[in-house]
């Protein structure tokens, strides 16, 4: 059985890496998915991020800049859950925190359809296209896809290989900083990528696919710049006048200038559900009757900041009936 790094290297245009690979795999798409969900039970999905790599026929340039420039990234917030904000570091809280393009707002059913159609599609020959699926922390993501979004990756019949960047990092001798498995933030920093707002699902998808490519190509790109006994070390930030920051900035600009995905809406208010403004411009009168009548000064003060359907106190179980956030 081939290591995951060898498999991904084959699809990055490596000549003769897997000479016995079935011919139909030549049309494979390399797709990265990321999901974010609210940190509190029942963990409803709040965002999705999708990144796709379009293979190059040439070998990698410095920092794999030519490969990374062929990545396209999309980001969406799930409308009924978009008001639920995680409080931990790096969480994607607002519309302006996606650095690789334009955030779209979609319904929960649209999210299911988009994710399914991303993984279940035809190639130019009209056949089902094989998918190489890249995830960070694959087990948890696959379980959430199936249990919360109803997307059974194994049942689609198109995903021929699932790759986990945590496994790719291990195979590239990149050490975890805490625990057995490396975090996405630490893996990004290993390649001199600043993981800013890395819990925004779109940014996370971008960081994941970039790190997957770089981990696979690390020794090929950086081997001669690292001591023979130090291949696990962080590569130099700048080589031959090109910095990783410049490369990532180019990827951001290319994606911001690329055509916006056709699904979803760019304008949605997470406070009043209006479709003609964002939350920062919301002037609508909203009222949570449960907070107003709770007798709790904290909730009474917050009563005119949200609708009862969006009351986070109800979700936490400390005020009234629970919202239906089973998905």
Protein backbone atom coordinates (compact mmCIF):
# COMPACT_ATOMS: atom_id res chain seq x y z
CA UNK A 1 0.00 0.00 0.00
CA UNK A 2 1.34 3.40 -0.97
CA UNK A 3 1.76 6.19 1.61
CA UNK A 4 -0.76 9.00 1.33
CA UNK A 5 2.00 11.44 0.38
CA UNK A 6 2.90 9.22 -2.60
CA UNK A 7 -0.73 9.07 -3.71
CA UNK A 8 -1.18 12.84 -3.54
CA UNK A 9 2.19 13.37 -5.24
CA UNK A 10 0.92 11.29 -8.16
CA UNK A 11 -2.03 13.65 -8.59
CA UNK A 12 0.21 16.70 -8.32
CA UNK A 13 1.73 15.76 -11.65
CA UNK A 14 4.53 13.49 -10.51
CA UNK A 15 5.90 11.62 -13.55
CA UNK A 16 5.72 7.87 -13.09
CA UNK A 17 4.92 8.08 -9.38
CA UNK A 18 2.19 5.43 -9.64
CA UNK A 19 2.70 3.84 -13.07
CA UNK A 20 0.13 1.11 -12.36
CA UNK A 21 -2.67 3.52 -11.41
CA UNK A 22 -5.92 2.82 -13.33
CA UNK A 23 -6.32 5.09 -16.33
CA UNK A 24 -9.70 6.43 -15.23
CA UNK A 25 -8.07 8.03 -12.17
CA UNK A 26 -6.35 10.51 -14.48
CA UNK A 27 -9.54 12.59 -14.42
CA UNK A 28 -9.66 12.74 -10.62
CA UNK A 29 -10.50 15.98 -8.86
CA UNK A 30 -8.68 16.95 -5.66
CA UNK A 31 -11.22 18.52 -3.33
CA UNK A 32 -10.88 19.76 0.24
CA UNK A 33 -13.88 20.23 2.52
CA UNK A 34 -14.03 21.99 5.83
CA UNK A 35 -16.95 22.34 8.21
CA UNK A 36 -17.47 24.53 11.23
CA UNK A 37 -20.13 23.93 13.83
CA UNK A 38 -21.25 25.68 16.99
CA UNK A 39 -19.18 24.66 19.98
CA UNK A 40 -22.29 24.03 22.11
CA UNK A 41 -24.67 21.09 21.85
CA UNK A 42 -26.18 19.97 19.54
CA UNK A 43 -23.35 21.39 17.36
CA UNK A 44 -25.36 22.72 14.38
CA UNK A 45 -23.35 23.37 11.22
CA UNK A 46 -22.57 27.08 10.85
CA UNK A 47 -20.21 27.20 7.85
CA UNK A 48 -18.81 25.16 4.98
CA UNK A 49 -15.59 25.69 3.05
CA UNK A 50 -14.72 24.06 -0.27
CA UNK A 51 -11.35 24.18 -2.02
CA UNK A 52 -10.39 22.49 -5.27
CA UNK A 53 -6.97 22.03 -6.81
CA UNK A 54 -6.64 22.05 -10.58
CA UNK A 55 -3.51 20.00 -11.37
CA UNK A 56 -0.50 21.39 -13.17
CA UNK A 57 1.59 19.37 -15.59
CA UNK A 58 4.81 21.03 -14.45
CA UNK A 59 6.90 20.31 -11.39
CA UNK A 60 6.60 22.48 -8.29
CA UNK A 61 8.16 25.92 -8.22
CA UNK A 62 9.51 27.51 -5.04
CA UNK A 63 6.96 27.24 -2.20
CA UNK A 64 4.86 25.28 -4.76
CA UNK A 65 3.61 28.68 -5.91
CA UNK A 66 2.52 27.36 -9.31
CA UNK A 67 0.43 24.63 -7.67
CA UNK A 68 -1.07 26.86 -4.99
CA UNK A 69 -2.12 29.36 -7.65
CA UNK A 70 -4.37 26.63 -9.09
CA UNK A 71 -6.52 26.41 -5.96
CA UNK A 72 -10.03 27.85 -5.92
CA UNK A 73 -11.89 28.35 -2.66
CA UNK A 74 -15.53 28.96 -1.71
CA UNK A 75 -17.13 29.79 1.64
CA UNK A 76 -20.71 29.76 2.86
CA UNK A 77 -22.49 30.43 6.12
CA UNK A 78 -25.63 28.43 6.92
CA UNK A 79 -28.45 30.97 7.21
CA UNK A 80 -30.47 29.49 10.11
CA UNK A 81 -27.30 29.01 12.17
CA UNK A 82 -25.14 31.93 11.02
CA UNK A 83 -25.89 33.96 14.16
CA UNK A 84 -24.26 31.31 16.37
CA UNK A 85 -20.74 32.56 17.03
CA UNK A 86 -17.98 30.47 18.55
CA UNK A 87 -15.81 32.26 21.07
CA UNK A 88 -12.51 30.40 20.72
CA UNK A 89 -9.47 31.86 18.99
CA UNK A 90 -9.56 31.84 15.20
CA UNK A 91 -13.33 31.47 14.92
CA UNK A 92 -14.94 32.93 11.82
CA UNK A 93 -17.45 35.40 13.22
CA UNK A 94 -18.26 37.89 10.51
CA UNK A 95 -18.65 38.34 6.79
CA UNK A 96 -15.31 40.10 6.35
CA UNK A 97 -13.16 37.32 7.84
CA UNK A 98 -12.99 35.17 4.69
CA UNK A 99 -9.77 36.20 2.97
CA UNK A 100 -9.98 34.09 -0.18
CA UNK A 101 -13.13 35.42 -1.82
CA UNK A 102 -16.74 36.31 -1.12
CA UNK A 103 -18.84 34.72 1.62
CA UNK A 104 -22.21 33.40 0.50
CA UNK A 105 -25.25 32.59 2.63
CA UNK A 106 -27.14 29.38 1.97
CA UNK A 107 -29.95 27.32 3.46
CA UNK A 108 -29.30 24.02 5.18
CA UNK A 109 -30.84 22.05 2.30
CA UNK A 110 -28.68 23.99 -0.16
CA UNK A 111 -25.61 23.07 1.87
CA UNK A 112 -26.48 19.38 1.53
CA UNK A 113 -27.01 19.76 -2.22
CA UNK A 114 -23.81 21.76 -2.75
CA UNK A 115 -21.66 19.31 -0.82
CA UNK A 116 -23.24 16.32 -2.56
CA UNK A 117 -22.88 17.86 -6.02
CA UNK A 118 -19.26 18.78 -5.27
CA UNK A 119 -18.45 15.13 -4.64
CA UNK A 120 -20.87 13.54 -7.11
CA UNK A 121 -20.34 14.87 -10.61
CA UNK A 122 -19.30 13.80 -14.07
CA UNK A 123 -16.05 14.34 -15.95
CA UNK A 124 -15.66 15.54 -19.53
CA UNK A 125 -16.38 12.01 -20.78
CA UNK A 126 -19.73 11.99 -19.00
CA UNK A 127 -18.57 9.44 -16.43
CA UNK A 128 -18.65 9.81 -12.66
CA UNK A 129 -15.53 11.77 -11.76
CA UNK A 130 -13.21 10.13 -9.21
CA UNK A 131 -12.65 12.35 -6.17
CA UNK A 132 -9.56 12.58 -3.97
CA UNK A 133 -11.00 14.07 -0.77
CA UNK A 134 -8.68 16.01 1.52
CA UNK A 135 -9.64 16.83 5.11
CA UNK A 136 -7.95 17.89 8.33
CA UNK A 137 -9.14 15.65 11.15
CA UNK A 138 -11.02 13.47 8.70
CA UNK A 139 -12.86 11.24 11.17
CA UNK A 140 -14.74 14.07 12.89
CA UNK A 141 -15.53 15.84 9.61
CA UNK A 142 -16.88 12.69 7.95
CA UNK A 143 -19.04 11.91 10.97
CA UNK A 144 -20.47 15.45 10.99
CA UNK A 145 -21.15 15.32 7.25
CA UNK A 146 -23.14 12.13 7.69
CA UNK A 147 -24.88 12.73 11.01
CA UNK A 148 -25.63 16.45 10.78
CA UNK A 149 -25.85 17.13 7.04
CA UNK A 150 -26.96 13.76 5.71
CA UNK A 151 -24.02 13.47 3.30
CA UNK A 152 -22.66 9.92 3.37
CA UNK A 153 -19.33 10.23 1.59
CA UNK A 154 -18.78 6.47 1.47
CA UNK A 155 -22.18 5.94 -0.10
CA UNK A 156 -21.66 8.33 -3.01
CA UNK A 157 -19.42 5.91 -4.87
CA UNK A 158 -17.10 8.60 -6.28
CA UNK A 159 -14.58 9.23 -3.50
CA UNK A 160 -11.70 6.89 -4.31
CA UNK A 161 -9.35 8.12 -1.59
CA UNK A 162 -9.68 10.15 1.60
CA UNK A 163 -6.52 11.94 2.69
CA UNK A 164 -5.98 13.57 6.07
CA UNK A 165 -3.44 16.37 6.39
CA UNK A 166 -2.59 15.10 9.87
CA UNK A 167 -1.44 11.83 8.28
CA UNK A 168 0.37 13.67 5.49
CA UNK A 169 2.22 15.71 8.12
CA UNK A 170 3.34 12.58 9.96
CA UNK A 171 4.58 10.99 6.75
CA UNK A 172 6.52 14.18 5.97
CA UNK A 173 8.17 14.01 9.44
CA UNK A 174 6.43 17.19 10.61
CA UNK A 175 6.09 16.94 14.39
CA UNK A 176 2.92 17.74 16.32
CA UNK A 177 3.35 20.54 18.85
CA UNK A 178 0.73 19.20 21.26
CA UNK A 179 -0.60 15.66 21.47
CA UNK A 180 -0.29 12.97 18.84
CA UNK A 181 -1.82 14.84 15.89
CA UNK A 182 -0.83 18.24 14.59
CA UNK A 183 -3.36 21.07 14.57
CA UNK A 184 -4.15 22.96 11.38
CA UNK A 185 -2.77 26.15 12.92
CA UNK A 186 0.56 24.50 13.79
CA UNK A 187 0.78 22.80 10.40
CA UNK A 188 0.19 26.14 8.70
CA UNK A 189 2.86 27.81 10.81
CA UNK A 190 5.29 25.01 9.93
CA UNK A 191 5.11 26.26 6.34
CA UNK A 192 5.27 29.93 7.37
CA UNK A 193 1.57 30.45 6.63
CA UNK A 194 -0.06 32.72 9.21
CA UNK A 195 -3.27 30.85 10.20
CA UNK A 196 -5.36 33.98 10.67
CA UNK A 197 -9.03 33.26 11.45
CA UNK A 198 -8.42 29.60 10.70
CA UNK A 199 -11.79 28.57 12.13
CA UNK A 200 -13.51 30.40 9.32
CA UNK A 201 -14.45 27.39 7.17
CA UNK A 202 -13.30 28.99 3.91
CA UNK A 203 -9.92 30.04 5.27
CA UNK A 204 -9.52 26.60 6.86
CA UNK A 205 -10.22 24.86 3.55
CA UNK A 206 -7.56 27.05 1.92
CA UNK A 207 -4.98 26.40 4.64
CA UNK A 208 -5.75 22.67 4.60
CA UNK A 209 -5.27 22.16 0.87
CA UNK A 210 -2.17 24.37 0.78
CA UNK A 211 -0.61 22.48 3.69
CA UNK A 212 -1.53 19.14 2.14
CA UNK A 213 0.30 20.06 -1.06
CA UNK A 214 3.29 21.51 0.80
CA UNK A 215 3.61 18.51 3.15
CA UNK A 216 3.60 16.18 0.15
CA UNK A 217 6.25 18.22 -1.67
CA UNK A 218 8.28 19.36 1.35
CA UNK A 219 11.42 17.30 0.81
CA UNK A 220 11.29 17.89 -2.94
CA UNK A 221 11.02 21.67 -2.60
CA UNK A 222 12.96 22.39 0.57
CA UNK A 223 15.28 19.39 1.00
CA UNK A 224 18.43 21.17 -0.15
CA UNK A 225 17.68 24.14 2.11
CA UNK A 226 17.47 21.97 5.24
CA UNK A 227 20.25 19.99 6.93
CA UNK A 228 20.24 16.27 6.19
CA UNK A 229 19.35 15.58 9.81
CA UNK A 230 16.75 18.34 10.00
CA UNK A 231 14.08 17.50 7.44
CA UNK A 232 11.47 17.92 10.18
CA UNK A 233 12.48 21.56 10.64
CA UNK A 234 10.48 24.56 9.46
CA UNK A 235 11.53 25.59 5.91
CA UNK A 236 13.03 29.03 5.34
CA UNK A 237 10.42 31.77 5.01
CA UNK A 238 12.10 33.37 2.00
CA UNK A 239 14.04 31.51 -0.69
CA UNK A 240 15.44 33.05 -3.86
CA UNK A 241 13.67 36.30 -3.03
CA UNK A 242 10.19 34.73 -2.77
CA UNK A 243 8.46 34.53 0.59
CA UNK A 244 5.61 32.25 1.57
CA UNK A 245 3.65 35.34 2.60
CA UNK A 246 3.90 36.62 -0.97
CA UNK A 247 2.66 33.29 -2.32
CA UNK A 248 -0.34 33.12 0.03
CA UNK A 249 -1.15 36.75 -0.75
CA UNK A 250 -1.21 35.90 -4.45
CA UNK A 251 -3.60 33.00 -3.80
CA UNK A 252 -5.89 35.34 -1.85
CA UNK A 253 -5.90 37.96 -4.59
CA UNK A 254 -6.49 35.42 -7.35
CA UNK A 255 -9.49 33.99 -5.53
CA UNK A 256 -10.94 37.39 -4.68
CA UNK A 257 -10.75 38.29 -8.38
CA UNK A 258 -12.17 34.96 -9.57
CA UNK A 259 -15.85 34.59 -10.54
CA UNK A 260 -18.10 34.16 -7.50
CA UNK A 261 -19.81 30.79 -7.08
CA UNK A 262 -23.34 30.84 -8.55
CA UNK A 263 -25.16 29.54 -5.48
CA UNK A 264 -26.32 31.43 -2.40
CA UNK A 265 -26.75 35.11 -1.66
CA UNK A 266 -24.10 37.64 -0.69
CA UNK A 267 -26.46 39.68 1.50
CA UNK A 268 -28.20 38.29 4.57
CA UNK A 269 -28.77 39.73 8.04
CA UNK A 270 -28.05 37.28 10.84
CA UNK A 271 -30.11 39.46 13.23
CA UNK A 272 -33.45 39.90 11.42
CA UNK A 273 -33.09 37.51 8.42
CA UNK A 274 -33.35 40.41 5.99
CA UNK A 275 -32.01 39.89 2.47
CA UNK A 276 -31.24 43.54 1.72
CA UNK A 277 -28.56 44.31 4.33
CA UNK A 278 -25.88 42.78 6.53
CA UNK A 279 -26.06 42.67 10.32
CA UNK A 280 -23.82 45.72 10.72
CA UNK A 281 -26.44 47.86 8.95
CA UNK A 282 -29.51 46.34 10.61
CA UNK A 283 -32.09 48.86 11.88
CA UNK A 284 -34.96 46.40 12.25
CA UNK A 285 -36.89 46.22 15.49
CA UNK A 286 -36.53 42.77 16.98
CA UNK A 287 -37.67 41.41 20.31
CA UNK A 288 -37.19 38.19 22.24
CA UNK A 289 -40.33 37.83 24.34
CA UNK A 290 -38.77 35.09 26.45
CA UNK A 291 -35.78 37.21 27.46
CA UNK A 292 -38.05 40.21 28.12
CA UNK A 293 -40.27 38.23 30.47
CA UNK A 294 -37.53 36.16 32.09
CA UNK A 295 -36.94 38.40 35.10
CA UNK A 296 -33.19 37.96 34.56
CA UNK A 297 -31.63 41.46 34.20
CA UNK A 298 -28.99 40.15 31.78
CA UNK A 299 -31.61 38.65 29.48
CA UNK A 300 -33.95 41.63 29.77
CA UNK A 301 -31.13 43.92 28.61
CA UNK A 302 -30.49 41.64 25.64
CA UNK A 303 -34.18 41.21 24.72
CA UNK A 304 -34.17 43.82 21.94
CA UNK A 305 -30.99 42.54 20.29
CA UNK A 306 -32.47 39.37 18.78
CA UNK A 307 -35.61 37.51 17.76
CA UNK A 308 -36.91 34.71 19.94
CA UNK A 309 -36.06 32.22 17.18
CA UNK A 310 -32.40 33.25 17.47
CA UNK A 311 -32.14 33.27 21.26
CA UNK A 312 -28.88 31.60 22.26
CA UNK A 313 -30.08 31.30 25.86
CA UNK A 314 -32.72 28.85 24.63
CA UNK A 315 -30.10 26.82 22.78
CA UNK A 316 -27.99 26.62 25.92
CA UNK A 317 -30.99 25.38 27.83
CA UNK A 318 -31.13 28.21 30.38
CA UNK A 319 -34.24 29.94 29.17
CA UNK A 320 -37.46 28.52 27.75
CA UNK A 321 -37.84 25.76 25.21
CA UNK A 322 -34.98 24.64 23.01
CA UNK A 323 -34.52 25.65 19.39
CA UNK A 324 -34.58 22.84 16.85
CA UNK A 325 -30.90 22.71 15.93
CA UNK A 326 -30.73 18.98 15.30
CA UNK A 327 -28.98 19.72 12.02
